[in-house]
Amino acid sequence: MIIHDKEFKRTVSSVKKPEFKHLNRQIPPEAHTSMYNFHKYWSRKTWNVVGEYIETYCPKTGIVYDPFGGSGVTAIEALRRGRKAIISDISPLATELTRLTIKYIPLDKIKEAFERIGKKVKEKILELYKTKCRNCGSEIVFDCAIWIKDKCVDIRYRECPNPKCKDERRKETPLIKYDNNLLSKIEKLKIKEWYPKNKFYYSNGKPFKEKQQYESIDELFTKRNLYALAILMEAIECEENKTIRDFLKIAFTSMVHLCSRMNPISEAGHFTPFSSAWTQHSYWYPSGHYMEQNVWNKFESSIYGHQGLLKAKGESNEYFKDIKFATSFKQVIEGEADI
């Protein structure tokens, strides 16, 4: 059927409705795999459910369009199922997370970049987390510290490096003079490296709905962790290759919330003496205890951990090695690119 538009003097073909059977059954959700787990994203949709909808309602030669792309589940599942995808989102992090989940990179490149960063700043960062073993007095890097508002009250470490000691402190380890001196030194320090100071207010002066009691993004962190994160980001920015920088930055953003004040202490749930999580849908302001985690340990885990970047890319590389990224809608529509 042809529709003639006299006003604009053009001929437009009507769209023929595709024939398909609707989904009329429950789809049991499956657990997210590594490429979906490496980076936190609120309300991530279940991949296999999205995938079945795509297979049912989009023809094999079709294009899936998602204007609210989020973490990229729709794009990823469309590509996995042989479709093409056009994805957008108001959040730059959303589109970057989608792009880097799909983009191929040899795992050795990530490992080599991590080693370069480590040679530059690992020791400098770990110096901020030094303490003394409470049993033998050996110098040791602690895993986390517990704070109540602006006061550090507890130091925790897994195992003393002294083979004759092996002391471990999981809770209720008060600070000693060594710890207080280090904190005092850090508090007096002027951070020369760049860090964000964005205010939690809109351009019209209205505060963010969930800003809680913080005024700006830097207030989410202790002085120690803010300094460590600034050192780390400066080293990442010095990487010459943009693709490598981008992957290191997405590893950074995957763990930065774990280095904030927004990680409560709880005896219940899945938390351990050495870990916590940002579970509140707000810039949570702690009225009680919160955990300050070791920045270098978190960054290392973001690369090598069980939910790290290497595992994520080990999976996604298998699917997307030959995917072509478009620079225009036309390239996708005409089949010159995949997304």
Protein backbone atom coordinates (compact mmCIF):
# COMPACT_ATOMS: atom_id res chain seq x y z
CA MET A 1 0.00 0.00 0.00
CA ILE A 2 1.26 3.50 -0.89
CA ILE A 3 0.24 6.70 0.90
CA HIS A 4 0.38 9.89 -1.20
CA ASP A 5 1.05 13.10 0.75
CA LYS A 6 -0.13 15.97 -1.48
CA GLU A 7 1.00 18.72 0.91
CA PHE A 8 4.62 17.63 0.93
CA LYS A 9 4.53 16.00 -2.51
CA ARG A 10 6.11 12.76 -1.45
CA THR A 11 5.28 9.08 -1.52
CA VAL A 12 5.56 7.04 1.66
CA SER A 13 5.22 3.27 1.90
CA SER A 14 3.01 2.10 4.73
CA VAL A 15 4.58 -0.14 7.33
CA LYS A 16 3.47 -3.74 7.19
CA LYS A 17 2.80 -5.15 10.61
CA PRO A 18 5.10 -8.09 11.36
CA GLU A 19 3.53 -11.42 12.17
CA PHE A 20 4.54 -13.03 15.45
CA LYS A 21 3.20 -14.86 18.45
CA HIS A 22 3.01 -12.81 21.62
CA LEU A 23 4.77 -13.91 24.77
CA ASN A 24 2.06 -15.27 27.04
CA ARG A 25 4.13 -17.04 29.66
CA GLN A 26 6.30 -16.22 32.62
CA ILE A 27 10.04 -16.02 31.91
CA PRO A 28 12.05 -17.18 34.94
CA PRO A 29 14.84 -14.64 35.51
CA GLU A 30 18.42 -15.90 35.39
CA ALA A 31 21.31 -14.52 37.42
CA HIS A 32 23.40 -11.78 35.89
CA THR A 33 26.72 -12.90 34.46
CA SER A 34 30.14 -11.25 34.81
CA MET A 35 29.68 -8.60 32.14
CA TYR A 36 26.55 -7.37 33.92
CA ASN A 37 27.94 -7.57 37.45
CA PHE A 38 31.21 -5.66 37.18
CA HIS A 39 29.61 -2.21 37.52
CA LYS A 40 26.82 -1.13 39.86
CA TYR A 41 23.71 0.23 38.15
CA TRP A 42 20.34 0.75 39.81
CA SER A 43 17.37 -1.22 38.44
CA ARG A 44 19.30 -3.25 35.88
CA LYS A 45 16.82 -5.41 33.97
CA THR A 46 17.20 -9.18 33.81
CA TRP A 47 19.17 -10.04 30.67
CA ASN A 48 17.40 -13.27 29.65
CA VAL A 49 13.93 -11.71 29.95
CA VAL A 50 14.97 -8.76 27.79
CA GLY A 51 16.56 -11.19 25.34
CA GLU A 52 13.40 -13.23 24.91
CA TYR A 53 11.37 -10.11 24.21
CA ILE A 54 13.87 -9.09 21.55
CA GLU A 55 13.75 -12.52 19.90
CA THR A 56 9.96 -12.47 19.94
CA TYR A 57 9.23 -8.93 18.80
CA CYS A 58 12.21 -7.94 16.64
CA PRO A 59 12.90 -9.79 13.36
CA LYS A 60 16.38 -11.25 12.89
CA THR A 61 17.32 -8.48 10.46
CA GLY A 62 15.76 -5.80 12.64
CA ILE A 63 17.07 -2.89 14.68
CA VAL A 64 16.30 -2.48 18.38
CA TYR A 65 15.94 1.11 19.59
CA ASP A 66 16.13 1.94 23.29
CA PRO A 67 15.97 5.68 24.15
CA PHE A 68 16.51 4.90 27.85
CA GLY A 69 19.51 2.62 27.47
CA GLY A 70 20.61 2.50 31.11
CA SER A 71 23.37 -0.03 31.70
CA GLY A 72 22.98 -1.44 28.19
CA VAL A 73 21.08 -4.69 28.74
CA THR A 74 18.86 -4.08 25.70
CA ALA A 75 21.79 -3.22 23.43
CA ILE A 76 23.88 -6.16 24.62
CA GLU A 77 21.08 -8.70 24.24
CA ALA A 78 20.12 -7.33 20.82
CA LEU A 79 23.68 -7.78 19.56
CA ARG A 80 23.99 -11.23 21.13
CA ARG A 81 20.91 -12.28 19.21
CA GLY A 82 22.08 -11.01 15.84
CA ARG A 83 20.10 -7.76 15.79
CA LYS A 84 21.45 -4.26 15.48
CA ALA A 85 20.88 -1.59 18.11
CA ILE A 86 20.47 2.16 18.48
CA ILE A 87 20.81 3.20 22.11
CA SER A 88 20.71 6.54 23.90
CA ASP A 89 20.52 7.78 27.48
CA ILE A 90 20.58 11.13 29.26
CA SER A 91 23.39 9.83 31.51
CA PRO A 92 26.93 9.88 30.05
CA LEU A 93 27.86 7.04 32.40
CA ALA A 94 25.08 4.87 30.98
CA THR A 95 26.24 5.21 27.38
CA GLU A 96 29.90 4.79 28.37
CA LEU A 97 29.15 1.66 30.40
CA THR A 98 27.23 0.22 27.46
CA ARG A 99 30.00 1.05 25.00
CA LEU A 100 32.79 -0.41 27.12
CA THR A 101 30.86 -3.56 27.98
CA ILE A 102 30.57 -4.23 24.26
CA LYS A 103 33.94 -2.92 23.04
CA TYR A 104 36.61 -5.57 22.53
CA ILE A 105 39.94 -5.28 24.34
CA PRO A 106 42.63 -7.94 24.85
CA LEU A 107 42.82 -8.86 28.52
CA ASP A 108 46.60 -8.46 28.53
CA LYS A 109 46.16 -4.76 27.74
CA ILE A 110 44.13 -4.29 30.91
CA LYS A 111 46.65 -6.22 33.01
CA GLU A 112 49.59 -4.25 31.61
CA ALA A 113 47.82 -0.95 32.27
CA PHE A 114 47.05 -1.96 35.85
CA GLU A 115 50.72 -2.82 36.41
CA ARG A 116 51.78 0.58 35.07
CA ILE A 117 49.38 2.35 37.41
CA GLY A 118 50.62 0.23 40.30
CA LYS A 119 54.25 1.13 39.68
CA LYS A 120 53.33 4.82 39.71
CA VAL A 121 51.03 5.16 42.69
CA LYS A 122 50.40 1.91 44.59
CA GLU A 123 52.92 2.54 47.37
CA LYS A 124 51.95 6.20 47.65
CA ILE A 125 48.32 5.23 48.18
CA LEU A 126 49.05 2.35 50.56
CA GLU A 127 51.12 4.68 52.75
CA LEU A 128 47.80 6.30 53.68
CA TYR A 129 46.54 3.02 55.17
CA LYS A 130 49.51 2.01 57.30
CA THR A 131 49.15 0.93 60.91
CA LYS A 132 51.02 -1.22 63.43
CA CYS A 133 50.17 -4.84 64.18
CA ARG A 134 48.57 -4.86 67.59
CA ASN A 135 50.35 -8.10 68.47
CA CYS A 136 53.95 -7.79 67.23
CA GLY A 137 54.24 -4.13 66.21
CA SER A 138 55.08 -4.81 62.55
CA GLU A 139 54.01 -2.21 60.01
CA ILE A 140 50.93 -3.34 58.15
CA VAL A 141 48.43 -2.03 55.59
CA PHE A 142 44.89 -2.15 56.97
CA ASP A 143 41.84 -3.15 54.93
CA CYS A 144 39.30 -0.74 56.34
CA ALA A 145 38.56 1.67 59.14
CA ILE A 146 35.32 2.37 60.98
CA TRP A 147 34.17 5.94 61.58
CA ILE A 148 31.43 7.64 63.57
CA LYS A 149 30.80 10.93 61.76
CA ASP A 150 34.20 12.68 61.76
CA LYS A 151 35.98 10.37 64.19
CA CYS A 152 37.86 7.20 63.23
CA VAL A 153 37.25 4.60 65.96
CA ASP A 154 38.31 1.20 64.63
CA ILE A 155 41.07 -0.25 62.40
CA ARG A 156 40.67 -3.66 60.76
CA TYR A 157 43.23 -5.85 59.01
CA ARG A 158 43.14 -9.45 57.77
CA GLU A 159 46.59 -10.79 58.59
CA CYS A 160 49.90 -9.48 59.86
CA PRO A 161 52.65 -10.02 57.23
CA ASN A 162 55.02 -11.26 59.94
CA PRO A 163 55.06 -15.08 59.42
CA LYS A 164 55.62 -15.58 63.15
CA CYS A 165 52.59 -13.50 64.03
CA LYS A 166 49.70 -13.71 61.53
CA ASP A 167 47.55 -11.55 63.81
CA GLU A 168 44.11 -10.55 62.50
CA ARG A 169 41.78 -7.81 63.74
CA ARG A 170 38.17 -8.03 62.57
CA LYS A 171 36.56 -5.50 64.91
CA GLU A 172 36.94 -3.30 67.99
CA THR A 173 40.57 -2.34 67.37
CA PRO A 174 40.99 1.18 68.76
CA LEU A 175 43.42 3.57 67.12
CA ILE A 176 46.91 3.94 68.53
CA LYS A 177 49.22 6.96 68.49
CA TYR A 178 50.65 5.86 65.11
CA ASP A 179 47.15 5.97 63.56
CA ASN A 180 46.24 9.33 65.04
CA ASN A 181 49.50 10.87 63.88
CA LEU A 182 48.89 9.62 60.34
CA LEU A 183 45.34 10.97 60.31
CA SER A 184 46.50 14.33 61.65
CA LYS A 185 49.10 14.53 58.88
CA ILE A 186 46.50 13.71 56.21
CA GLU A 187 43.99 16.24 57.56
CA LYS A 188 46.60 19.01 57.32
CA LEU A 189 47.50 18.03 53.77
CA LYS A 190 46.45 20.21 50.83
CA ILE A 191 45.38 17.98 47.95
CA LYS A 192 47.08 19.23 44.79
CA GLU A 193 45.60 16.61 42.48
CA TRP A 194 42.26 17.38 40.80
CA TYR A 195 39.04 16.06 42.32
CA PRO A 196 35.38 16.97 41.66
CA LYS A 197 33.65 19.58 43.81
CA ASN A 198 30.25 19.62 42.08
CA LYS A 199 27.45 20.98 44.28
CA PHE A 200 24.35 18.92 45.01
CA TYR A 201 22.10 21.67 43.67
CA TYR A 202 20.41 22.32 40.34
CA SER A 203 21.24 25.40 38.29
CA ASN A 204 18.18 27.17 39.74
CA GLY A 205 19.51 26.69 43.27
CA LYS A 206 17.12 23.90 44.20
CA PRO A 207 18.85 21.08 46.14
CA PHE A 208 18.93 17.52 44.86
CA LYS A 209 16.04 15.54 46.31
CA GLU A 210 18.34 13.01 48.00
CA LYS A 211 21.34 15.17 48.83
CA GLN A 212 20.86 14.49 52.55
CA GLN A 213 23.32 16.69 54.50
CA TYR A 214 26.14 16.82 51.95
CA GLU A 215 26.76 20.04 50.02
CA SER A 216 29.12 18.75 47.33
CA ILE A 217 30.49 15.49 45.93
CA ASP A 218 33.86 15.72 47.69
CA GLU A 219 32.06 15.60 51.05
CA LEU A 220 31.06 12.00 50.32
CA PHE A 221 34.61 10.92 51.16
CA THR A 222 36.99 11.04 54.08
CA LYS A 223 40.06 13.22 53.50
CA ARG A 224 42.21 10.10 53.25
CA ASN A 225 40.08 8.43 50.59
CA LEU A 226 39.53 11.65 48.66
CA TYR A 227 43.31 12.07 48.45
CA ALA A 228 43.87 8.43 47.45
CA LEU A 229 41.20 8.61 44.73
CA ALA A 230 42.66 11.86 43.38
CA ILE A 231 46.12 10.26 43.17
CA LEU A 232 44.69 7.24 41.38
CA MET A 233 42.67 9.24 38.86
CA GLU A 234 45.66 11.43 38.02
CA ALA A 235 47.67 8.29 37.19
CA ILE A 236 44.84 6.97 35.02
CA GLU A 237 44.65 10.27 33.13
CA CYS A 238 48.36 9.94 32.32
CA GLU A 239 47.75 6.80 30.25
CA GLU A 240 48.50 7.70 26.63
CA ASN A 241 46.01 5.38 24.93
CA LYS A 242 42.42 6.68 25.17
CA THR A 243 40.86 3.22 25.03
CA ILE A 244 43.01 2.07 27.94
CA ARG A 245 42.14 5.23 29.87
CA ASP A 246 38.45 4.64 29.30
CA PHE A 247 38.58 1.07 30.60
CA LEU A 248 40.58 2.11 33.67
CA LYS A 249 38.07 4.88 34.35
CA ILE A 250 35.13 2.49 34.16
CA ALA A 251 36.96 0.24 36.65
CA PHE A 252 37.41 3.33 38.83
CA THR A 253 33.71 4.25 38.70
CA SER A 254 32.77 0.64 39.42
CA MET A 255 34.36 0.87 42.85
CA VAL A 256 34.40 4.56 43.84
CA HIS A 257 31.11 4.33 45.77
CA LEU A 258 32.68 1.64 47.96
CA CYS A 259 35.31 4.20 48.98
CA SER A 260 32.73 6.75 50.14
CA ARG A 261 31.10 7.40 53.52
CA MET A 262 27.87 5.84 52.23
CA ASN A 263 28.71 2.31 53.40
CA PRO A 264 27.03 1.41 56.69
CA ILE A 265 28.19 -1.12 59.24
CA SER A 266 25.78 -3.98 59.79
CA GLU A 267 26.09 -7.26 61.65
CA ALA A 268 23.29 -8.68 59.52
CA GLY A 269 23.03 -9.20 55.78
CA HIS A 270 25.88 -10.08 53.42
CA PHE A 271 28.38 -7.58 54.83
CA THR A 272 31.65 -8.88 56.29
CA PRO A 273 34.02 -7.26 58.82
CA PHE A 274 35.98 -5.98 55.81
CA SER A 275 33.25 -5.00 53.36
CA SER A 276 30.08 -2.99 53.08
CA ALA A 277 27.93 -1.60 50.27
CA TRP A 278 26.02 1.48 49.17
CA THR A 279 22.47 0.18 49.43
CA GLN A 280 20.45 3.35 50.00
CA HIS A 281 18.89 5.14 47.02
CA SER A 282 20.30 8.46 48.16
CA TYR A 283 23.50 10.24 49.11
CA TRP A 284 23.21 8.54 52.47
CA TYR A 285 24.47 10.52 55.44
CA PRO A 286 25.55 8.22 58.29
CA SER A 287 24.20 9.03 61.72
CA GLY A 288 26.19 6.13 63.16
CA HIS A 289 29.04 3.91 62.03
CA TYR A 290 30.29 3.74 58.46
CA MET A 291 33.20 2.01 56.73
CA GLU A 292 36.21 3.65 55.08
CA GLN A 293 37.70 1.14 52.65
CA ASN A 294 41.25 0.94 51.29
CA VAL A 295 41.21 2.64 47.86
CA TRP A 296 44.02 0.61 46.31
CA ASN A 297 42.50 -2.69 47.45
CA LYS A 298 39.17 -1.69 45.92
CA PHE A 299 40.79 -0.67 42.63
CA GLU A 300 42.72 -3.94 42.43
CA SER A 301 39.50 -5.84 43.08
CA SER A 302 37.73 -3.83 40.37
CA ILE A 303 40.25 -5.31 37.91
CA TYR A 304 41.02 -8.79 39.28
CA GLY A 305 38.10 -9.49 41.61
CA HIS A 306 35.34 -12.05 41.14
CA GLN A 307 33.17 -9.20 39.82
CA GLY A 308 36.08 -7.39 38.20
CA LEU A 309 36.73 -5.96 34.76
CA LEU A 310 38.86 -8.89 33.58
CA LYS A 311 36.07 -11.39 34.16
CA ALA A 312 33.56 -9.07 32.51
CA LYS A 313 35.69 -8.58 29.41
CA GLY A 314 36.60 -12.26 29.33
CA GLU A 315 32.90 -12.92 28.79
CA SER A 316 31.94 -9.99 26.55
CA ASN A 317 34.98 -10.39 24.28
CA GLU A 318 33.63 -13.79 23.26
CA TYR A 319 30.43 -12.21 21.96
CA PHE A 320 31.49 -8.86 20.56
CA LYS A 321 34.97 -9.13 19.04
CA ASP A 322 33.76 -8.20 15.55
CA ILE A 323 31.08 -5.65 16.48
CA LYS A 324 31.27 -2.40 14.50
CA PHE A 325 30.40 0.89 16.21
CA ALA A 326 28.57 3.53 14.17
CA THR A 327 29.20 7.26 14.01
CA SER A 328 25.71 7.95 12.61
CA PHE A 329 22.20 6.47 12.55
CA LYS A 330 22.58 5.95 8.82
CA GLN A 331 25.41 3.47 9.25
CA VAL A 332 23.24 1.23 11.45
CA ILE A 333 20.15 1.56 9.27
CA GLU A 334 22.11 0.73 6.11
CA GLY A 335 23.89 -2.20 7.72
CA GLU A 336 27.37 -0.67 7.79
CA ALA A 337 27.62 -0.90 11.59
CA ASP A 338 26.02 -2.87 14.41
CA ILE A 339 25.40 -0.27 17.09
